[in-house]
Amino acid sequence: MLTRRHLLLPAAALLLQAAATGCTPAPAPATLALQRDGAGYAVVVPLCPKGQIVTVSVYDTADQTADWSISSSSSSSPSSSDDTPSTPDRFPLFTTPPGWTAYHSGLTTLKPDIKYHTAFTALGNTKNSEFTFTLADLQHLKDGEVLTLTDDGTTSMPADKFRTAALKLC
């Protein structure tokens, strides 16, 4: 007869083996990031062959009525993938890509000392997620870095590393 201890032994053995070899999985990023872009900021989206980002939103955590969000037409008709607007792999924050619709009330720029929350949804096999950030978080990004969510929390990483890791989640 199998007891709970018998069922836990294989899991414990795997954990011990991983600890002994130093192998731990790399933090998996969300499939969306923010990047400093000259005087402004950009939304960075790896293009997933099995999924498509259909909504992106940012809102002020203290005043949730101040928000910015966009939605592609595919969010309302997930079965029609041939005629949906494509998701650009990068676009300026607070802009609306062609074929998308904007829904916003009052949020058009980021202000210091305000916490913002970003969230997105996707169709297909893409990981949906959300994270909180400040303007200072974005200002501290170096050229070529993005701010994203990983298993370890909100973090910055090189954009190429982000894209490679995020595509594995698709």
Protein backbone atom coordinates (compact mmCIF):
# COMPACT_ATOMS: atom_id res chain seq x y z
CA MET A 1 0.00 0.00 0.00
CA LEU A 2 1.32 3.43 -0.94
CA THR A 3 1.48 5.92 1.87
CA ARG A 4 1.88 9.69 1.67
CA ARG A 5 5.58 9.21 2.52
CA HIS A 6 6.02 6.93 -0.50
CA LEU A 7 4.46 9.53 -2.75
CA LEU A 8 6.67 12.34 -1.38
CA LEU A 9 9.96 10.45 -1.70
CA PRO A 10 10.38 10.92 -5.50
CA ALA A 11 9.69 14.65 -5.21
CA ALA A 12 12.17 15.00 -2.35
CA ALA A 13 14.80 13.09 -4.32
CA LEU A 14 14.41 15.44 -7.29
CA LEU A 15 14.74 18.49 -5.06
CA LEU A 16 17.88 17.10 -3.42
CA GLN A 17 19.40 16.28 -6.79
CA ALA A 18 18.71 19.80 -8.09
CA ALA A 19 20.20 21.33 -4.96
CA ALA A 20 23.27 19.09 -5.13
CA THR A 21 23.97 19.92 -8.79
CA GLY A 22 23.17 23.59 -8.44
CA CYS A 23 20.51 23.31 -11.12
CA THR A 24 17.59 25.57 -10.56
CA PRO A 25 15.30 26.73 -13.32
CA ALA A 26 15.94 30.22 -14.64
CA PRO A 27 13.25 32.72 -13.75
CA ALA A 28 10.56 32.62 -16.42
CA PRO A 29 9.58 36.10 -17.56
CA ALA A 30 6.14 37.27 -18.42
CA THR A 31 5.51 37.68 -22.12
CA LEU A 32 5.38 41.45 -21.85
CA ALA A 33 7.94 44.02 -20.77
CA LEU A 34 8.46 47.78 -20.58
CA GLN A 35 11.55 49.50 -21.96
CA ARG A 36 13.02 53.00 -21.89
CA ASP A 37 12.69 54.46 -25.38
CA GLY A 38 14.48 57.77 -25.79
CA ALA A 39 12.33 60.36 -24.02
CA GLY A 40 9.48 57.88 -23.53
CA TYR A 41 8.80 54.21 -22.87
CA ALA A 42 7.80 51.25 -25.00
CA VAL A 43 5.81 48.05 -24.55
CA VAL A 44 7.87 45.04 -25.68
CA VAL A 45 6.05 41.89 -26.77
CA PRO A 46 7.76 38.77 -28.12
CA LEU A 47 5.72 37.46 -31.02
CA CYS A 48 4.45 34.05 -30.00
CA PRO A 49 3.57 31.66 -32.80
CA LYS A 50 0.90 29.97 -30.62
CA GLY A 51 -0.55 33.01 -28.88
CA GLN A 52 -1.28 36.66 -29.38
CA ILE A 53 -1.42 39.51 -26.89
CA VAL A 54 -4.94 40.95 -27.05
CA THR A 55 -5.07 43.51 -24.23
CA VAL A 56 -2.49 45.68 -22.48
CA SER A 57 -3.36 48.03 -19.63
CA VAL A 58 -1.64 50.35 -17.17
CA TYR A 59 -3.32 52.05 -14.25
CA ASP A 60 -2.42 54.21 -11.27
CA THR A 61 -2.66 51.97 -8.17
CA ALA A 62 -3.84 54.86 -5.98
CA ASP A 63 -6.38 56.20 -8.50
CA GLN A 64 -7.61 53.23 -10.48
CA THR A 65 -9.84 55.49 -12.58
CA ALA A 66 -6.65 56.86 -14.19
CA ASP A 67 -5.88 54.15 -16.68
CA TRP A 68 -4.75 53.37 -20.21
CA SER A 69 -5.61 50.18 -22.00
CA ILE A 70 -5.73 48.89 -25.52
CA SER A 71 -7.41 45.89 -27.04
CA SER A 72 -7.03 44.17 -30.38
CA SER A 73 -10.14 43.12 -32.24
CA SER A 74 -9.08 39.49 -31.73
CA SER A 75 -9.97 39.77 -28.03
CA SER A 76 -13.63 39.63 -28.94
CA SER A 77 -13.34 36.86 -31.54
CA PRO A 78 -10.64 34.36 -30.61
CA SER A 79 -11.65 31.93 -33.35
CA SER A 80 -10.89 34.29 -36.23
CA SER A 81 -7.10 34.37 -36.26
CA ASP A 82 -6.69 35.03 -39.99
CA ASP A 83 -8.23 38.51 -40.00
CA THR A 84 -7.03 39.80 -36.62
CA PRO A 85 -4.59 42.68 -36.43
CA SER A 86 -1.09 41.55 -35.68
CA THR A 87 0.60 42.39 -32.42
CA PRO A 88 3.64 44.55 -33.01
CA ASP A 89 6.75 43.32 -31.19
CA ARG A 90 7.32 46.80 -29.74
CA PHE A 91 5.29 49.99 -29.62
CA PRO A 92 5.41 53.25 -27.65
CA LEU A 93 3.56 53.21 -24.33
CA PHE A 94 0.32 55.24 -24.44
CA THR A 95 -0.08 54.74 -28.18
CA THR A 96 -2.55 52.54 -30.03
CA PRO A 97 -1.14 50.10 -32.61
CA PRO A 98 -2.97 49.96 -35.96
CA GLY A 99 -6.11 47.82 -35.73
CA TRP A 100 -6.34 48.15 -31.94
CA THR A 101 -8.78 50.18 -29.84
CA ALA A 102 -7.80 52.44 -26.94
CA TYR A 103 -9.79 52.70 -23.73
CA HIS A 104 -8.31 55.20 -21.37
CA SER A 105 -9.30 57.80 -18.87
CA GLY A 106 -6.75 60.30 -17.78
CA LEU A 107 -3.51 58.32 -17.93
CA THR A 108 -1.25 59.52 -20.72
CA THR A 109 2.09 59.94 -18.91
CA LEU A 110 3.90 58.44 -15.94
CA LYS A 111 4.54 60.61 -12.89
CA PRO A 112 7.19 60.27 -10.16
CA ASP A 113 6.29 58.65 -6.83
CA ILE A 114 3.25 56.87 -8.26
CA LYS A 115 2.94 53.08 -8.37
CA TYR A 116 1.53 51.77 -11.62
CA HIS A 117 0.17 48.36 -12.41
CA THR A 118 0.35 46.77 -15.83
CA ALA A 119 -1.56 43.72 -16.97
CA PHE A 120 -2.12 41.93 -20.22
CA THR A 121 -4.08 39.02 -21.56
CA ALA A 122 -3.38 36.77 -24.48
CA LEU A 123 -4.90 34.10 -26.65
CA GLY A 124 -3.32 30.72 -27.14
CA ASN A 125 -0.42 29.38 -25.12
CA THR A 126 0.91 32.73 -23.94
CA LYS A 127 1.46 33.38 -20.22
CA ASN A 128 -0.83 36.16 -18.95
CA SER A 129 0.60 38.28 -16.17
CA GLU A 130 0.75 41.59 -14.42
CA PHE A 131 3.23 43.56 -12.36
CA THR A 132 3.64 46.82 -10.48
CA PHE A 133 6.28 49.42 -11.33
CA THR A 134 7.24 53.07 -10.83
CA LEU A 135 8.64 55.68 -13.16
CA ALA A 136 11.96 55.34 -11.29
CA ASP A 137 12.03 51.62 -12.15
CA LEU A 138 11.87 52.51 -15.83
CA GLN A 139 14.32 55.39 -15.53
CA HIS A 140 16.91 53.05 -13.98
CA LEU A 141 16.85 50.76 -16.99
CA LYS A 142 20.04 50.72 -19.03
CA ASP A 143 19.96 50.82 -22.83
CA GLY A 144 18.81 47.45 -24.10
CA GLU A 145 17.16 46.40 -20.82
CA VAL A 146 13.49 45.73 -20.11
CA LEU A 147 11.40 45.62 -16.96
CA THR A 148 9.32 42.47 -16.66
CA LEU A 149 7.89 39.98 -14.21
CA THR A 150 9.76 36.75 -13.47
CA ASP A 151 9.21 34.00 -10.95
CA ASP A 152 11.43 36.09 -8.66
CA GLY A 153 9.26 39.23 -8.99
CA THR A 154 9.57 42.38 -11.09
CA THR A 155 13.09 42.65 -12.48
CA SER A 156 15.17 44.13 -15.26
CA MET A 157 17.04 42.03 -17.81
CA PRO A 158 18.58 42.41 -21.26
CA ALA A 159 15.87 42.63 -23.93
CA ASP A 160 17.33 39.78 -25.98
CA LYS A 161 17.39 37.48 -22.92
CA PHE A 162 13.78 38.48 -22.19
CA ARG A 163 12.65 37.68 -25.73
CA THR A 164 14.42 34.32 -25.79
CA ALA A 165 13.04 33.24 -22.41
CA ALA A 166 9.55 34.60 -23.06
CA LEU A 167 9.27 32.78 -26.38
CA LYS A 168 9.81 29.51 -24.53
CA LEU A 169 6.55 30.22 -22.70
CA CYS A 170 4.58 30.54 -25.90
